[in-house]
Amino acid sequence: MTQPAAHLSGVSRRFRRTRALDDLTLDIPENAITGLLGRNGAGKTTLMSIIAGHDRPTSGSVRVFGTDPFENAATMSAISFVRDNQRYPDDFTLRQVLEVAPLFHTGWDAEVADHLVRGFRLPHKTAIKKLSRGQSSSLGIVLGLASRAPLTIFDEPYLGLDATARRFFYDTLMQDYLDHPRTIVVSTHLIDEMEPLLEHVVIVDEGRLVRSAAADDLRGSAVTLSGLTTAVEDLARGLRVLQRRTIGGLTSVVLETHADEDLRARVARAGAQLTPATLQDLVAAYGVESESLEGTPA
């Protein structure tokens, strides 16, 4: 079997009394685009910082390409971590950033950088600290993609970008990844937009790993069932309910189950509706304590 790009075993990270990560064991597959999903405060940024070698766990072990990345120059040189609050030296301009960046990444591709700079229409002479939020995000994308780092990590890379700029990012990311496969991890809240790009999905909540699976497997692992409350209660009895919403006499639930022919037939007879759960549905649902409809009121 192919070795994972990153392996975390029993990783916890505490900040005083706050536990940002809690006994997390996880593999990040090599040469795949992995989406890191979860609510605000779920521990995503802490997890990415540890994988990138910018922080170390309170307990547990981390291996990136087989070695501990923390203060390991050789391993960290193979990683590009683009944070949502990336900092640069005062008064640096785009030209200066692009002159310095290749010194940190041996695979730097100037043509990709130029293509992205032109596509995002970034100003060359404006000080980086004076760029707008969207322009700062665009610069981070330039650095991440042009680095061609074996492991590239993006933390909310699209903040401040309009729909056209985001589409340009997605298209360039996919094309460059197809031309030069590597491991890419993207933390995102725009799940519906990025879902078509994702090959693997990691969902975290309150510092714990909720799910880690191939995107296609995860998409088929749950369904949304909606209809009259009495019908939904009967159909969902005995199944794991991830989330429930009730308005008047109508109820919608996210069920962790496959939509087999028997379930579809029973749903049709009951006059209810059954649709595949999206990744957005699952992230929202896994953030809610699971419960069973068995013996519980709507």
C-alpha atoms as a PDB file:
ATOM      1  CA  MET A   1       0.000   0.000   0.000  1.00  0.00           C
ATOM      2  CA  THR A   2       1.115   3.567  -0.673  1.00  0.00           C
ATOM      3  CA  GLN A   3       2.460   5.285   2.423  1.00  0.00           C
ATOM      4  CA  PRO A   4       0.461   8.340   3.543  1.00  0.00           C
ATOM      5  CA  ALA A   5       1.981  11.774   3.098  1.00  0.00           C
ATOM      6  CA  ALA A   6       1.257  12.484   6.756  1.00  0.00           C
ATOM      7  CA  HIS A   7       0.469  10.169   9.652  1.00  0.00           C
ATOM      8  CA  LEU A   8      -0.731  11.384  13.047  1.00  0.00           C
ATOM      9  CA  SER A   9      -1.066   8.970  15.951  1.00  0.00           C
ATOM     10  CA  GLY A  10      -2.839   9.884  19.174  1.00  0.00           C
ATOM     11  CA  VAL A  11      -2.189  13.584  18.674  1.00  0.00           C
ATOM     12  CA  SER A  12      -3.469  16.015  21.284  1.00  0.00           C
ATOM     13  CA  ARG A  13      -2.716  19.722  21.592  1.00  0.00           C
ATOM     14  CA  ARG A  14      -3.542  21.787  24.632  1.00  0.00           C
ATOM     15  CA  PHE A  15      -3.353  25.535  25.115  1.00  0.00           C
ATOM     16  CA  ARG A  16      -3.569  25.973  28.885  1.00  0.00           C
ATOM     17  CA  ARG A  17      -7.026  24.639  29.724  1.00  0.00           C
ATOM     18  CA  THR A  18      -8.196  24.409  26.129  1.00  0.00           C
ATOM     19  CA  ARG A  19      -7.797  21.130  24.259  1.00  0.00           C
ATOM     20  CA  ALA A  20      -7.590  22.059  20.562  1.00  0.00           C
ATOM     21  CA  LEU A  21      -6.929  18.488  19.415  1.00  0.00           C
ATOM     22  CA  ASP A  22      -7.980  15.385  21.322  1.00  0.00           C
ATOM     23  CA  ASP A  23      -6.272  12.015  20.715  1.00  0.00           C
ATOM     24  CA  LEU A  24      -6.470  12.333  16.938  1.00  0.00           C
ATOM     25  CA  THR A  25      -5.173   9.533  14.703  1.00  0.00           C
ATOM     26  CA  LEU A  26      -5.236  10.285  10.994  1.00  0.00           C
ATOM     27  CA  ASP A  27      -3.621   9.551   7.634  1.00  0.00           C
ATOM     28  CA  ILE A  28      -3.416  12.166   4.880  1.00  0.00           C
ATOM     29  CA  PRO A  29      -3.165  10.271   1.557  1.00  0.00           C
ATOM     30  CA  GLU A  30      -0.282  11.090  -0.750  1.00  0.00           C
ATOM     31  CA  ASN A  31      -0.939  12.679  -4.147  1.00  0.00           C
ATOM     32  CA  ALA A  32      -4.557  13.543  -3.422  1.00  0.00           C
ATOM     33  CA  ILE A  33      -6.576  16.686  -2.721  1.00  0.00           C
ATOM     34  CA  THR A  34      -7.895  16.412   0.816  1.00  0.00           C
ATOM     35  CA  GLY A  35     -10.584  18.681   2.178  1.00  0.00           C
ATOM     36  CA  LEU A  36     -10.282  19.497   5.885  1.00  0.00           C
ATOM     37  CA  LEU A  37     -13.788  20.318   7.023  1.00  0.00           C
ATOM     38  CA  GLY A  38     -15.416  21.355  10.270  1.00  0.00           C
ATOM     39  CA  ARG A  39     -17.008  24.216  12.107  1.00  0.00           C
ATOM     40  CA  ASN A  40     -15.130  27.249  13.393  1.00  0.00           C
ATOM     41  CA  GLY A  41     -13.074  26.212  16.395  1.00  0.00           C
ATOM     42  CA  ALA A  42     -13.049  22.546  15.405  1.00  0.00           C
ATOM     43  CA  GLY A  43      -9.239  22.418  15.498  1.00  0.00           C
ATOM     44  CA  LYS A  44      -8.488  22.628  11.777  1.00  0.00           C
ATOM     45  CA  THR A  45      -5.839  25.366  11.917  1.00  0.00           C
ATOM     46  CA  THR A  46      -4.077  23.699  14.853  1.00  0.00           C
ATOM     47  CA  LEU A  47      -4.049  20.421  12.950  1.00  0.00           C
ATOM     48  CA  MET A  48      -2.581  22.059   9.840  1.00  0.00           C
ATOM     49  CA  SER A  49       0.058  23.875  11.883  1.00  0.00           C
ATOM     50  CA  ILE A  50       1.199  20.591  13.420  1.00  0.00           C
ATOM     51  CA  ILE A  51       1.333  18.813  10.068  1.00  0.00           C
ATOM     52  CA  ALA A  52       3.335  21.733   8.614  1.00  0.00           C
ATOM     53  CA  GLY A  53       5.841  21.602  11.483  1.00  0.00           C
ATOM     54  CA  HIS A  54       4.908  25.069  12.738  1.00  0.00           C
ATOM     55  CA  ASP A  55       3.719  23.621  16.040  1.00  0.00           C
ATOM     56  CA  ARG A  56       4.179  20.378  17.933  1.00  0.00           C
ATOM     57  CA  PRO A  57       1.610  18.252  19.724  1.00  0.00           C
ATOM     58  CA  THR A  58       1.300  18.092  23.485  1.00  0.00           C
ATOM     59  CA  SER A  59       1.193  14.312  23.106  1.00  0.00           C
ATOM     60  CA  GLY A  60       1.223  11.817  20.272  1.00  0.00           C
ATOM     61  CA  SER A  61       3.420  11.589  17.187  1.00  0.00           C
ATOM     62  CA  VAL A  62       3.459  13.163  13.719  1.00  0.00           C
ATOM     63  CA  ARG A  63       5.246  11.925  10.617  1.00  0.00           C
ATOM     64  CA  VAL A  64       5.313  13.775   7.300  1.00  0.00           C
ATOM     65  CA  PHE A  65       6.986  11.826   4.513  1.00  0.00           C
ATOM     66  CA  GLY A  66       8.284   9.526   7.257  1.00  0.00           C
ATOM     67  CA  THR A  67       9.875  12.132   9.542  1.00  0.00           C
ATOM     68  CA  ASP A  68       8.849  14.466  12.359  1.00  0.00           C
ATOM     69  CA  PRO A  69       8.359  17.845  10.639  1.00  0.00           C
ATOM     70  CA  PHE A  70       8.898  20.056  13.705  1.00  0.00           C
ATOM     71  CA  GLU A  71      12.151  22.022  13.346  1.00  0.00           C
ATOM     72  CA  ASN A  72      13.184  19.599  10.587  1.00  0.00           C
ATOM     73  CA  ALA A  73      14.529  21.785   7.782  1.00  0.00           C
ATOM     74  CA  ALA A  74      14.543  19.033   5.157  1.00  0.00           C
ATOM     75  CA  THR A  75      10.913  18.080   5.779  1.00  0.00           C
ATOM     76  CA  MET A  76       9.650  21.642   6.146  1.00  0.00           C
ATOM     77  CA  SER A  77      11.244  22.571   2.818  1.00  0.00           C
ATOM     78  CA  ALA A  78       8.874  20.047   1.215  1.00  0.00           C
ATOM     79  CA  ILE A  79       5.860  21.796   2.750  1.00  0.00           C
ATOM     80  CA  SER A  80       4.098  24.995   1.737  1.00  0.00           C
ATOM     81  CA  PHE A  81       1.634  26.185   4.369  1.00  0.00           C
ATOM     82  CA  VAL A  82      -0.454  29.182   3.294  1.00  0.00           C
ATOM     83  CA  ARG A  83      -2.241  30.567   6.333  1.00  0.00           C
ATOM     84  CA  ASP A  84      -5.295  32.787   6.226  1.00  0.00           C
ATOM     85  CA  ASN A  85      -3.324  35.454   8.143  1.00  0.00           C
ATOM     86  CA  GLN A  86      -0.042  35.145   6.248  1.00  0.00           C
ATOM     87  CA  ARG A  87       2.523  37.763   7.306  1.00  0.00           C
ATOM     88  CA  TYR A  88       5.270  39.389   5.240  1.00  0.00           C
ATOM     89  CA  PRO A  89       8.097  41.829   6.042  1.00  0.00           C
ATOM     90  CA  ASP A  90       7.005  45.447   6.276  1.00  0.00           C
ATOM     91  CA  ASP A  91       6.969  47.293   2.936  1.00  0.00           C
ATOM     92  CA  PHE A  92       7.551  44.129   0.878  1.00  0.00           C
ATOM     93  CA  THR A  93       6.006  44.375  -2.577  1.00  0.00           C
ATOM     94  CA  LEU A  94       4.838  41.578  -4.849  1.00  0.00           C
ATOM     95  CA  ARG A  95       8.117  41.712  -6.755  1.00  0.00           C
ATOM     96  CA  GLN A  96      10.129  41.174  -3.581  1.00  0.00           C
ATOM     97  CA  VAL A  97       7.923  38.328  -2.394  1.00  0.00           C
ATOM     98  CA  LEU A  98       8.304  36.538  -5.727  1.00  0.00           C
ATOM     99  CA  GLU A  99      12.087  37.008  -5.586  1.00  0.00           C
ATOM    100  CA  VAL A 100      12.344  35.473  -2.117  1.00  0.00           C
ATOM    101  CA  ALA A 101       9.822  32.615  -2.451  1.00  0.00           C
ATOM    102  CA  PRO A 102      11.956  30.421  -4.785  1.00  0.00           C
ATOM    103  CA  LEU A 103      14.668  30.304  -2.114  1.00  0.00           C
ATOM    104  CA  PHE A 104      12.338  28.208   0.050  1.00  0.00           C
ATOM    105  CA  HIS A 105      11.025  25.849  -2.624  1.00  0.00           C
ATOM    106  CA  THR A 106      13.272  24.060  -5.091  1.00  0.00           C
ATOM    107  CA  GLY A 107      10.293  23.203  -7.299  1.00  0.00           C
ATOM    108  CA  TRP A 108       9.180  26.825  -7.675  1.00  0.00           C
ATOM    109  CA  ASP A 109       7.544  27.467 -11.059  1.00  0.00           C
ATOM    110  CA  ALA A 110       7.808  31.084 -12.186  1.00  0.00           C
ATOM    111  CA  GLU A 111       5.413  30.531 -15.096  1.00  0.00           C
ATOM    112  CA  VAL A 112       2.660  29.366 -12.758  1.00  0.00           C
ATOM    113  CA  ALA A 113       3.324  32.347 -10.503  1.00  0.00           C
ATOM    114  CA  ASP A 114       3.111  34.752 -13.446  1.00  0.00           C
ATOM    115  CA  HIS A 115      -0.095  33.127 -14.710  1.00  0.00           C
ATOM    116  CA  LEU A 116      -1.726  33.508 -11.303  1.00  0.00           C
ATOM    117  CA  VAL A 117      -0.502  37.073 -10.779  1.00  0.00           C
ATOM    118  CA  ARG A 118      -1.986  38.087 -14.119  1.00  0.00           C
ATOM    119  CA  GLY A 119      -5.202  36.135 -13.513  1.00  0.00           C
ATOM    120  CA  PHE A 120      -5.731  37.749 -10.119  1.00  0.00           C
ATOM    121  CA  ARG A 121      -4.568  41.152 -11.441  1.00  0.00           C
ATOM    122  CA  LEU A 122      -2.227  41.690  -8.503  1.00  0.00           C
ATOM    123  CA  PRO A 123      -0.406  45.060  -8.351  1.00  0.00           C
ATOM    124  CA  HIS A 124       3.391  44.797  -8.488  1.00  0.00           C
ATOM    125  CA  LYS A 125       4.359  48.014  -6.719  1.00  0.00           C
ATOM    126  CA  THR A 126       1.838  48.227  -3.879  1.00  0.00           C
ATOM    127  CA  ALA A 127       3.172  47.256  -0.449  1.00  0.00           C
ATOM    128  CA  ILE A 128       1.785  43.882   0.593  1.00  0.00           C
ATOM    129  CA  LYS A 129       0.466  45.326   3.852  1.00  0.00           C
ATOM    130  CA  LYS A 130      -1.743  47.691   1.817  1.00  0.00           C
ATOM    131  CA  LEU A 131      -3.357  44.956  -0.277  1.00  0.00           C
ATOM    132  CA  SER A 132      -7.048  44.255   0.157  1.00  0.00           C
ATOM    133  CA  ARG A 133      -8.206  41.049   1.864  1.00  0.00           C
ATOM    134  CA  GLY A 134      -8.915  39.435  -1.488  1.00  0.00           C
ATOM    135  CA  GLN A 135      -5.552  40.482  -2.924  1.00  0.00           C
ATOM    136  CA  SER A 136      -3.765  39.057   0.123  1.00  0.00           C
ATOM    137  CA  SER A 137      -5.606  35.762  -0.365  1.00  0.00           C
ATOM    138  CA  SER A 138      -4.667  35.792  -4.048  1.00  0.00           C
ATOM    139  CA  LEU A 139      -0.998  36.238  -3.147  1.00  0.00           C
ATOM    140  CA  GLY A 140      -1.209  33.266  -0.799  1.00  0.00           C
ATOM    141  CA  ILE A 141      -2.634  31.156  -3.601  1.00  0.00           C
ATOM    142  CA  VAL A 142       0.222  32.249  -5.880  1.00  0.00           C
ATOM    143  CA  LEU A 143       2.794  31.162  -3.302  1.00  0.00           C
ATOM    144  CA  GLY A 144       1.081  27.868  -2.575  1.00  0.00           C
ATOM    145  CA  LEU A 145       0.531  26.699  -6.139  1.00  0.00           C
ATOM    146  CA  ALA A 146       3.764  28.037  -7.642  1.00  0.00           C
ATOM    147  CA  SER A 147       5.794  26.406  -4.850  1.00  0.00           C
ATOM    148  CA  ARG A 148       5.005  22.960  -6.291  1.00  0.00           C
ATOM    149  CA  ALA A 149       5.745  21.697  -2.777  1.00  0.00           C
ATOM    150  CA  PRO A 150       5.150  17.949  -2.305  1.00  0.00           C
ATOM    151  CA  LEU A 151       2.741  18.911   0.494  1.00  0.00           C
ATOM    152  CA  THR A 152       0.793  22.144   0.030  1.00  0.00           C
ATOM    153  CA  ILE A 153      -1.638  23.273   2.732  1.00  0.00           C
ATOM    154  CA  PHE A 154      -4.190  26.050   2.235  1.00  0.00           C
ATOM    155  CA  ASP A 155      -6.050  27.504   5.225  1.00  0.00           C
ATOM    156  CA  GLU A 156      -9.226  29.162   3.900  1.00  0.00           C
ATOM    157  CA  PRO A 157      -7.383  30.395   0.769  1.00  0.00           C
ATOM    158  CA  TYR A 158     -10.294  32.245  -0.832  1.00  0.00           C
ATOM    159  CA  LEU A 159     -11.191  34.807   1.870  1.00  0.00           C
ATOM    160  CA  GLY A 160     -12.158  38.095   0.233  1.00  0.00           C
ATOM    161  CA  LEU A 161     -12.218  36.650  -3.295  1.00  0.00           C
ATOM    162  CA  ASP A 162     -15.254  37.208  -5.481  1.00  0.00           C
ATOM    163  CA  ALA A 163     -16.925  34.349  -7.355  1.00  0.00           C
ATOM    164  CA  THR A 164     -14.879  34.929 -10.531  1.00  0.00           C
ATOM    165  CA  ALA A 165     -11.563  34.879  -8.654  1.00  0.00           C
ATOM    166  CA  ARG A 166     -12.569  31.756  -6.732  1.00  0.00           C
ATOM    167  CA  ARG A 167     -13.445  29.975  -9.964  1.00  0.00           C
ATOM    168  CA  PHE A 168     -10.067  30.970 -11.409  1.00  0.00           C
ATOM    169  CA  PHE A 169      -8.394  29.497  -8.305  1.00  0.00           C
ATOM    170  CA  TYR A 170     -10.337  26.218  -8.502  1.00  0.00           C
ATOM    171  CA  ASP A 171      -9.643  25.782 -12.224  1.00  0.00           C
ATOM    172  CA  THR A 172      -5.933  26.562 -11.863  1.00  0.00           C
ATOM    173  CA  LEU A 173      -5.595  24.320  -8.820  1.00  0.00           C
ATOM    174  CA  MET A 174      -7.145  21.358 -10.594  1.00  0.00           C
ATOM    175  CA  GLN A 175      -5.210  21.818 -13.830  1.00  0.00           C
ATOM    176  CA  ASP A 176      -1.873  22.234 -12.064  1.00  0.00           C
ATOM    177  CA  TYR A 177      -2.600  19.268  -9.807  1.00  0.00           C
ATOM    178  CA  LEU A 178      -3.396  17.077 -12.818  1.00  0.00           C
ATOM    179  CA  ASP A 179      -0.171  18.192 -14.527  1.00  0.00           C
ATOM    180  CA  HIS A 180       1.927  17.824 -11.366  1.00  0.00           C
ATOM    181  CA  PRO A 181       0.269  15.489  -8.825  1.00  0.00           C
ATOM    182  CA  ARG A 182       1.121  16.196  -5.202  1.00  0.00           C
ATOM    183  CA  THR A 183      -0.500  16.231  -1.791  1.00  0.00           C
ATOM    184  CA  ILE A 184      -2.814  19.186  -1.249  1.00  0.00           C
ATOM    185  CA  VAL A 185      -4.801  19.883   1.909  1.00  0.00           C
ATOM    186  CA  VAL A 186      -7.462  22.597   1.841  1.00  0.00           C
ATOM    187  CA  SER A 187      -9.389  23.861   4.841  1.00  0.00           C
ATOM    188  CA  THR A 188     -12.640  25.336   3.595  1.00  0.00           C
ATOM    189  CA  HIS A 189     -16.105  26.469   4.605  1.00  0.00           C
ATOM    190  CA  LEU A 190     -17.206  26.809   0.962  1.00  0.00           C
ATOM    191  CA  ILE A 191     -17.819  23.089   0.843  1.00  0.00           C
ATOM    192  CA  ASP A 192     -20.348  23.047  -1.980  1.00  0.00           C
ATOM    193  CA  GLU A 193     -17.966  25.000  -4.240  1.00  0.00           C
ATOM    194  CA  MET A 194     -14.911  22.855  -3.536  1.00  0.00           C
ATOM    195  CA  GLU A 195     -16.627  19.478  -3.298  1.00  0.00           C
ATOM    196  CA  PRO A 196     -15.981  18.542  -6.971  1.00  0.00           C
ATOM    197  CA  LEU A 197     -12.212  18.952  -6.415  1.00  0.00           C
ATOM    198  CA  LEU A 198     -11.942  16.798  -3.303  1.00  0.00           C
ATOM    199  CA  GLU A 199     -10.732  13.213  -3.445  1.00  0.00           C
ATOM    200  CA  HIS A 200     -10.453  12.660   0.296  1.00  0.00           C
ATOM    201  CA  VAL A 201     -12.319  14.294   3.164  1.00  0.00           C
ATOM    202  CA  VAL A 202     -11.401  14.753   6.815  1.00  0.00           C
ATOM    203  CA  ILE A 203     -14.086  16.058   9.189  1.00  0.00           C
ATOM    204  CA  VAL A 204     -13.101  17.236  12.653  1.00  0.00           C
ATOM    205  CA  ASP A 205     -15.247  18.553  15.468  1.00  0.00           C
ATOM    206  CA  GLU A 206     -14.160  19.823  18.889  1.00  0.00           C
ATOM    207  CA  GLY A 207     -10.630  18.598  18.226  1.00  0.00           C
ATOM    208  CA  ARG A 208     -11.682  15.038  17.473  1.00  0.00           C
ATOM    209  CA  LEU A 209     -11.638  13.146  14.212  1.00  0.00           C
ATOM    210  CA  VAL A 210     -15.207  12.493  13.093  1.00  0.00           C
ATOM    211  CA  ARG A 211     -14.664  10.980   9.662  1.00  0.00           C
ATOM    212  CA  SER A 212     -11.791  10.379   7.265  1.00  0.00           C
ATOM    213  CA  ALA A 213     -12.712   8.744   3.989  1.00  0.00           C
ATOM    214  CA  ALA A 214     -12.574   8.941   0.229  1.00  0.00           C
ATOM    215  CA  ALA A 215     -14.946  11.683  -0.890  1.00  0.00           C
ATOM    216  CA  ASP A 216     -17.021   9.305  -3.007  1.00  0.00           C
ATOM    217  CA  ASP A 217     -17.438   6.888  -0.093  1.00  0.00           C
ATOM    218  CA  LEU A 218     -18.466   9.692   2.248  1.00  0.00           C
ATOM    219  CA  ARG A 219     -21.000  11.106  -0.193  1.00  0.00           C
ATOM    220  CA  GLY A 220     -22.752   7.735  -0.309  1.00  0.00           C
ATOM    221  CA  SER A 221     -22.695   7.170   3.441  1.00  0.00           C
ATOM    222  CA  ALA A 222     -25.699   9.298   4.396  1.00  0.00           C
ATOM    223  CA  VAL A 223     -29.064  10.453   3.120  1.00  0.00           C
ATOM    224  CA  THR A 224     -31.534  13.205   3.903  1.00  0.00           C
ATOM    225  CA  LEU A 225     -35.052  11.980   4.649  1.00  0.00           C
ATOM    226  CA  SER A 226     -37.913  14.458   4.815  1.00  0.00           C
ATOM    227  CA  GLY A 227     -41.693  14.355   5.067  1.00  0.00           C
ATOM    228  CA  LEU A 228     -44.489  14.163   7.622  1.00  0.00           C
ATOM    229  CA  THR A 229     -43.041  13.689  11.091  1.00  0.00           C
ATOM    230  CA  THR A 230     -44.900  10.444  11.730  1.00  0.00           C
ATOM    231  CA  ALA A 231     -43.648   8.939   8.446  1.00  0.00           C
ATOM    232  CA  VAL A 232     -40.062  10.069   9.024  1.00  0.00           C
ATOM    233  CA  GLU A 233     -40.048   8.655  12.573  1.00  0.00           C
ATOM    234  CA  ASP A 234     -41.220   5.296  11.304  1.00  0.00           C
ATOM    235  CA  LEU A 235     -38.778   5.138   8.391  1.00  0.00           C
ATOM    236  CA  ALA A 236     -35.779   6.243  10.485  1.00  0.00           C
ATOM    237  CA  ARG A 237     -36.460   3.916  13.412  1.00  0.00           C
ATOM    238  CA  GLY A 238     -33.323   1.935  14.251  1.00  0.00           C
ATOM    239  CA  LEU A 239     -31.066   4.018  12.010  1.00  0.00           C
ATOM    240  CA  ARG A 240     -28.410   6.453  13.210  1.00  0.00           C
ATOM    241  CA  VAL A 241     -29.754   9.993  13.029  1.00  0.00           C
ATOM    242  CA  LEU A 242     -27.030  12.615  12.619  1.00  0.00           C
ATOM    243  CA  GLN A 243     -29.279  15.665  12.553  1.00  0.00           C
ATOM    244  CA  ARG A 244     -32.972  16.474  12.793  1.00  0.00           C
ATOM    245  CA  ARG A 245     -35.048  19.542  11.964  1.00  0.00           C
ATOM    246  CA  THR A 246     -38.779  19.787  12.704  1.00  0.00           C
ATOM    247  CA  ILE A 247     -41.113  22.567  11.595  1.00  0.00           C
ATOM    248  CA  GLY A 248     -44.773  22.074  12.427  1.00  0.00           C
ATOM    249  CA  GLY A 249     -45.739  18.612  11.278  1.00  0.00           C
ATOM    250  CA  LEU A 250     -42.765  18.207   8.932  1.00  0.00           C
ATOM    251  CA  THR A 251     -39.385  16.682   9.816  1.00  0.00           C
ATOM    252  CA  SER A 252     -36.078  16.357   7.970  1.00  0.00           C
ATOM    253  CA  VAL A 253     -33.323  14.059   9.211  1.00  0.00           C
ATOM    254  CA  VAL A 254     -29.822  13.183   8.043  1.00  0.00           C
ATOM    255  CA  LEU A 255     -29.342   9.430   8.368  1.00  0.00           C
ATOM    256  CA  GLU A 256     -26.043   7.574   8.333  1.00  0.00           C
ATOM    257  CA  THR A 257     -27.123   4.822   5.963  1.00  0.00           C
ATOM    258  CA  HIS A 258     -26.980   3.792   2.316  1.00  0.00           C
ATOM    259  CA  ALA A 259     -30.012   4.425   0.131  1.00  0.00           C
ATOM    260  CA  ASP A 260     -30.686   0.814  -0.858  1.00  0.00           C
ATOM    261  CA  GLU A 261     -33.688  -0.312  -2.885  1.00  0.00           C
ATOM    262  CA  ASP A 262     -35.656  -1.429   0.178  1.00  0.00           C
ATOM    263  CA  LEU A 263     -35.337   1.977   1.857  1.00  0.00           C
ATOM    264  CA  ARG A 264     -36.225   3.776  -1.355  1.00  0.00           C
ATOM    265  CA  ALA A 265     -39.329   1.653  -1.775  1.00  0.00           C
ATOM    266  CA  ARG A 266     -40.494   2.228   1.806  1.00  0.00           C
ATOM    267  CA  VAL A 267     -39.906   5.972   1.460  1.00  0.00           C
ATOM    268  CA  ALA A 268     -41.944   6.078  -1.749  1.00  0.00           C
ATOM    269  CA  ARG A 269     -44.828   4.178  -0.158  1.00  0.00           C
ATOM    270  CA  ALA A 270     -44.822   6.589   2.790  1.00  0.00           C
ATOM    271  CA  GLY A 271     -44.903   9.631   0.508  1.00  0.00           C
ATOM    272  CA  ALA A 272     -41.635  10.962   1.928  1.00  0.00           C
ATOM    273  CA  GLN A 273     -38.538  12.208   0.101  1.00  0.00           C
ATOM    274  CA  LEU A 274     -35.020  10.759   0.080  1.00  0.00           C
ATOM    275  CA  THR A 275     -31.946  12.553  -1.307  1.00  0.00           C
ATOM    276  CA  PRO A 276     -28.187  11.968  -0.988  1.00  0.00           C
ATOM    277  CA  ALA A 277     -26.597  14.009   1.797  1.00  0.00           C
ATOM    278  CA  THR A 278     -24.000  16.493   0.576  1.00  0.00           C
ATOM    279  CA  LEU A 279     -20.651  17.036   2.264  1.00  0.00           C
ATOM    280  CA  GLN A 280     -22.078  20.315   3.594  1.00  0.00           C
ATOM    281  CA  ASP A 281     -24.955  18.354   5.143  1.00  0.00           C
ATOM    282  CA  LEU A 282     -22.528  15.939   6.768  1.00  0.00           C
ATOM    283  CA  VAL A 283     -20.285  18.631   8.236  1.00  0.00           C
ATOM    284  CA  ALA A 284     -23.309  20.348   9.787  1.00  0.00           C
ATOM    285  CA  ALA A 285     -24.756  17.040  10.967  1.00  0.00           C
ATOM    286  CA  TYR A 286     -21.577  15.681  12.543  1.00  0.00           C
ATOM    287  CA  GLY A 287     -21.359  18.857  14.592  1.00  0.00           C
ATOM    288  CA  VAL A 288     -24.605  17.888  16.310  1.00  0.00           C
ATOM    289  CA  GLU A 289     -24.717  15.132  18.886  1.00  0.00           C
ATOM    290  CA  SER A 290     -26.009  11.994  17.188  1.00  0.00           C
ATOM    291  CA  GLU A 291     -29.174  10.433  18.454  1.00  0.00           C
ATOM    292  CA  SER A 292     -31.584   7.673  17.575  1.00  0.00           C
ATOM    293  CA  LEU A 293     -35.212   8.255  16.796  1.00  0.00           C
ATOM    294  CA  GLU A 294     -35.971   5.026  18.597  1.00  0.00           C
ATOM    295  CA  GLY A 295     -38.025   5.955  21.648  1.00  0.00           C
ATOM    296  CA  THR A 296     -37.473   9.727  21.304  1.00  0.00           C
ATOM    297  CA  PRO A 297     -40.091  12.328  20.425  1.00  0.00           C
ATOM    298  CA  ALA A 298     -39.749  14.559  17.362  1.00  0.00           C
END
